[in-house]
């Protein structure tokens, strides 16, 4: 089953700050050619902001241009992430959210 609301947003600092919720859920990053990553986090906004701060990583080398998200309770997040990975087949199947500061 795909993301429950397929409303993509630009993967930029302004767009993430404006559109990503600071809530538990799953998210996907893509470009015009492929799905790059399906991740899960306690705070979707914080996870996306950390991805934007990365430099010279496999994620950013794929040049993500858009993100999508779905709110999901914490006890169901990993299972939902696995289902979305099976459906979208992102290039990066496992990817840590880097922590800064």
C-alpha atoms as a PDB file:
ATOM      1  CA  UNK A   1       0.000   0.000   0.000  1.00  0.00           C
ATOM      2  CA  UNK A   2       1.546   3.377  -1.007  1.00  0.00           C
ATOM      3  CA  UNK A   3       1.971   6.427   1.206  1.00  0.00           C
ATOM      4  CA  UNK A   4      -1.497   7.375   2.431  1.00  0.00           C
ATOM      5  CA  UNK A   5      -1.363  10.922   1.019  1.00  0.00           C
ATOM      6  CA  UNK A   6       0.793  11.318  -2.011  1.00  0.00           C
ATOM      7  CA  UNK A   7       1.505  15.036  -1.769  1.00  0.00           C
ATOM      8  CA  UNK A   8       5.195  15.563  -2.596  1.00  0.00           C
ATOM      9  CA  UNK A   9       7.092  18.595  -1.360  1.00  0.00           C
ATOM     10  CA  UNK A  10      10.402  20.084  -2.481  1.00  0.00           C
ATOM     11  CA  UNK A  11      13.332  18.733  -0.505  1.00  0.00           C
ATOM     12  CA  UNK A  12      14.677  22.117   0.553  1.00  0.00           C
ATOM     13  CA  UNK A  13      15.221  23.840   3.873  1.00  0.00           C
ATOM     14  CA  UNK A  14      12.259  26.196   3.460  1.00  0.00           C
ATOM     15  CA  UNK A  15       9.914  23.441   2.298  1.00  0.00           C
ATOM     16  CA  UNK A  16      10.903  21.018   5.075  1.00  0.00           C
ATOM     17  CA  UNK A  17      10.458  23.736   7.706  1.00  0.00           C
ATOM     18  CA  UNK A  18       7.070  24.669   6.262  1.00  0.00           C
ATOM     19  CA  UNK A  19       5.630  21.250   5.373  1.00  0.00           C
ATOM     20  CA  UNK A  20       7.206  18.490   7.476  1.00  0.00           C
ATOM     21  CA  UNK A  21       5.607  17.762  10.841  1.00  0.00           C
ATOM     22  CA  UNK A  22       7.608  17.413  14.039  1.00  0.00           C
ATOM     23  CA  UNK A  23       5.744  14.148  14.660  1.00  0.00           C
ATOM     24  CA  UNK A  24       6.310  10.395  14.468  1.00  0.00           C
ATOM     25  CA  UNK A  25       6.087   8.768  11.055  1.00  0.00           C
ATOM     26  CA  UNK A  26       7.665   7.517   7.873  1.00  0.00           C
ATOM     27  CA  UNK A  27       9.021   9.545   4.967  1.00  0.00           C
ATOM     28  CA  UNK A  28      10.330   9.050   1.473  1.00  0.00           C
ATOM     29  CA  UNK A  29      12.955  10.922  -0.523  1.00  0.00           C
ATOM     30  CA  UNK A  30      13.063  10.813  -4.308  1.00  0.00           C
ATOM     31  CA  UNK A  31      14.282  12.516  -7.454  1.00  0.00           C
ATOM     32  CA  UNK A  32      12.841  12.458 -10.961  1.00  0.00           C
ATOM     33  CA  UNK A  33      14.450   9.075 -11.673  1.00  0.00           C
ATOM     34  CA  UNK A  34      14.060   6.984  -8.539  1.00  0.00           C
ATOM     35  CA  UNK A  35      12.994   6.533  -4.943  1.00  0.00           C
ATOM     36  CA  UNK A  36      16.119   7.067  -2.896  1.00  0.00           C
ATOM     37  CA  UNK A  37      15.134   6.332   0.696  1.00  0.00           C
ATOM     38  CA  UNK A  38      12.179   5.401   2.865  1.00  0.00           C
ATOM     39  CA  UNK A  39      12.944   6.313   6.469  1.00  0.00           C
ATOM     40  CA  UNK A  40      11.219   6.417   9.834  1.00  0.00           C
ATOM     41  CA  UNK A  41      11.635   8.811  12.729  1.00  0.00           C
ATOM     42  CA  UNK A  42      10.163  10.066  15.993  1.00  0.00           C
ATOM     43  CA  UNK A  43      10.310  13.540  14.439  1.00  0.00           C
ATOM     44  CA  UNK A  44       9.986  13.653  10.646  1.00  0.00           C
ATOM     45  CA  UNK A  45      10.976  17.317  10.401  1.00  0.00           C
ATOM     46  CA  UNK A  46      14.143  16.838  12.466  1.00  0.00           C
ATOM     47  CA  UNK A  47      15.162  13.766  10.434  1.00  0.00           C
ATOM     48  CA  UNK A  48      14.707  15.617   7.131  1.00  0.00           C
ATOM     49  CA  UNK A  49      16.604  18.647   8.429  1.00  0.00           C
ATOM     50  CA  UNK A  50      19.487  16.382   9.462  1.00  0.00           C
ATOM     51  CA  UNK A  51      19.523  14.840   5.969  1.00  0.00           C
ATOM     52  CA  UNK A  52      19.746  18.343   4.491  1.00  0.00           C
ATOM     53  CA  UNK A  53      22.813  19.053   6.669  1.00  0.00           C
ATOM     54  CA  UNK A  54      24.699  16.007   5.387  1.00  0.00           C
ATOM     55  CA  UNK A  55      27.593  16.436   3.017  1.00  0.00           C
ATOM     56  CA  UNK A  56      29.114  13.944   0.614  1.00  0.00           C
ATOM     57  CA  UNK A  57      26.849  11.045   1.614  1.00  0.00           C
ATOM     58  CA  UNK A  58      25.259   8.341  -0.549  1.00  0.00           C
ATOM     59  CA  UNK A  59      21.879  10.007   0.032  1.00  0.00           C
ATOM     60  CA  UNK A  60      22.863  13.456  -1.211  1.00  0.00           C
ATOM     61  CA  UNK A  61      24.894  11.998  -4.081  1.00  0.00           C
ATOM     62  CA  UNK A  62      21.556  10.751  -5.477  1.00  0.00           C
ATOM     63  CA  UNK A  63      20.335  14.393  -5.485  1.00  0.00           C
ATOM     64  CA  UNK A  64      16.938  14.101  -3.778  1.00  0.00           C
ATOM     65  CA  UNK A  65      14.495  16.734  -4.941  1.00  0.00           C
ATOM     66  CA  UNK A  66      11.287  15.762  -3.164  1.00  0.00           C
ATOM     67  CA  UNK A  67       9.936  14.287   0.040  1.00  0.00           C
ATOM     68  CA  UNK A  68       6.689  12.757   1.175  1.00  0.00           C
ATOM     69  CA  UNK A  69       5.587  11.624   4.622  1.00  0.00           C
ATOM     70  CA  UNK A  70       2.933   9.750   6.518  1.00  0.00           C
ATOM     71  CA  UNK A  71       2.188  10.105  10.208  1.00  0.00           C
ATOM     72  CA  UNK A  72       2.481   6.834  12.059  1.00  0.00           C
ATOM     73  CA  UNK A  73       2.478   5.858  15.737  1.00  0.00           C
ATOM     74  CA  UNK A  74       5.867   4.807  17.054  1.00  0.00           C
ATOM     75  CA  UNK A  75       4.984   1.154  17.658  1.00  0.00           C
ATOM     76  CA  UNK A  76       3.950   0.732  14.006  1.00  0.00           C
ATOM     77  CA  UNK A  77       6.634   2.826  12.266  1.00  0.00           C
ATOM     78  CA  UNK A  78       9.214   0.157  11.474  1.00  0.00           C
ATOM     79  CA  UNK A  79       6.603  -2.259  10.113  1.00  0.00           C
ATOM     80  CA  UNK A  80       5.139   0.499   7.932  1.00  0.00           C
ATOM     81  CA  UNK A  81       8.615   1.471   6.737  1.00  0.00           C
ATOM     82  CA  UNK A  82       9.309  -2.146   5.723  1.00  0.00           C
ATOM     83  CA  UNK A  83       6.061  -2.332   3.735  1.00  0.00           C
ATOM     84  CA  UNK A  84       6.866   0.928   1.939  1.00  0.00           C
ATOM     85  CA  UNK A  85      10.399  -0.270   1.155  1.00  0.00           C
ATOM     86  CA  UNK A  86       8.940  -3.421  -0.417  1.00  0.00           C
ATOM     87  CA  UNK A  87       6.591  -1.326  -2.528  1.00  0.00           C
ATOM     88  CA  UNK A  88       8.864   1.532  -3.607  1.00  0.00           C
ATOM     89  CA  UNK A  89      12.193  -0.343  -3.687  1.00  0.00           C
ATOM     90  CA  UNK A  90      14.373   2.666  -2.803  1.00  0.00           C
ATOM     91  CA  UNK A  91      18.039   2.673  -3.809  1.00  0.00           C
ATOM     92  CA  UNK A  92      19.146   3.027  -0.177  1.00  0.00           C
ATOM     93  CA  UNK A  93      17.471   0.279   1.845  1.00  0.00           C
ATOM     94  CA  UNK A  94      19.158   1.062   5.139  1.00  0.00           C
ATOM     95  CA  UNK A  95      20.436   4.480   6.044  1.00  0.00           C
ATOM     96  CA  UNK A  96      21.141   6.038   9.437  1.00  0.00           C
ATOM     97  CA  UNK A  97      19.875   9.497  10.246  1.00  0.00           C
ATOM     98  CA  UNK A  98      23.069  11.281  11.202  1.00  0.00           C
ATOM     99  CA  UNK A  99      23.080  13.268  14.424  1.00  0.00           C
ATOM    100  CA  UNK A 100      24.716  16.695  14.586  1.00  0.00           C
ATOM    101  CA  UNK A 101      25.778  18.639  17.673  1.00  0.00           C
END
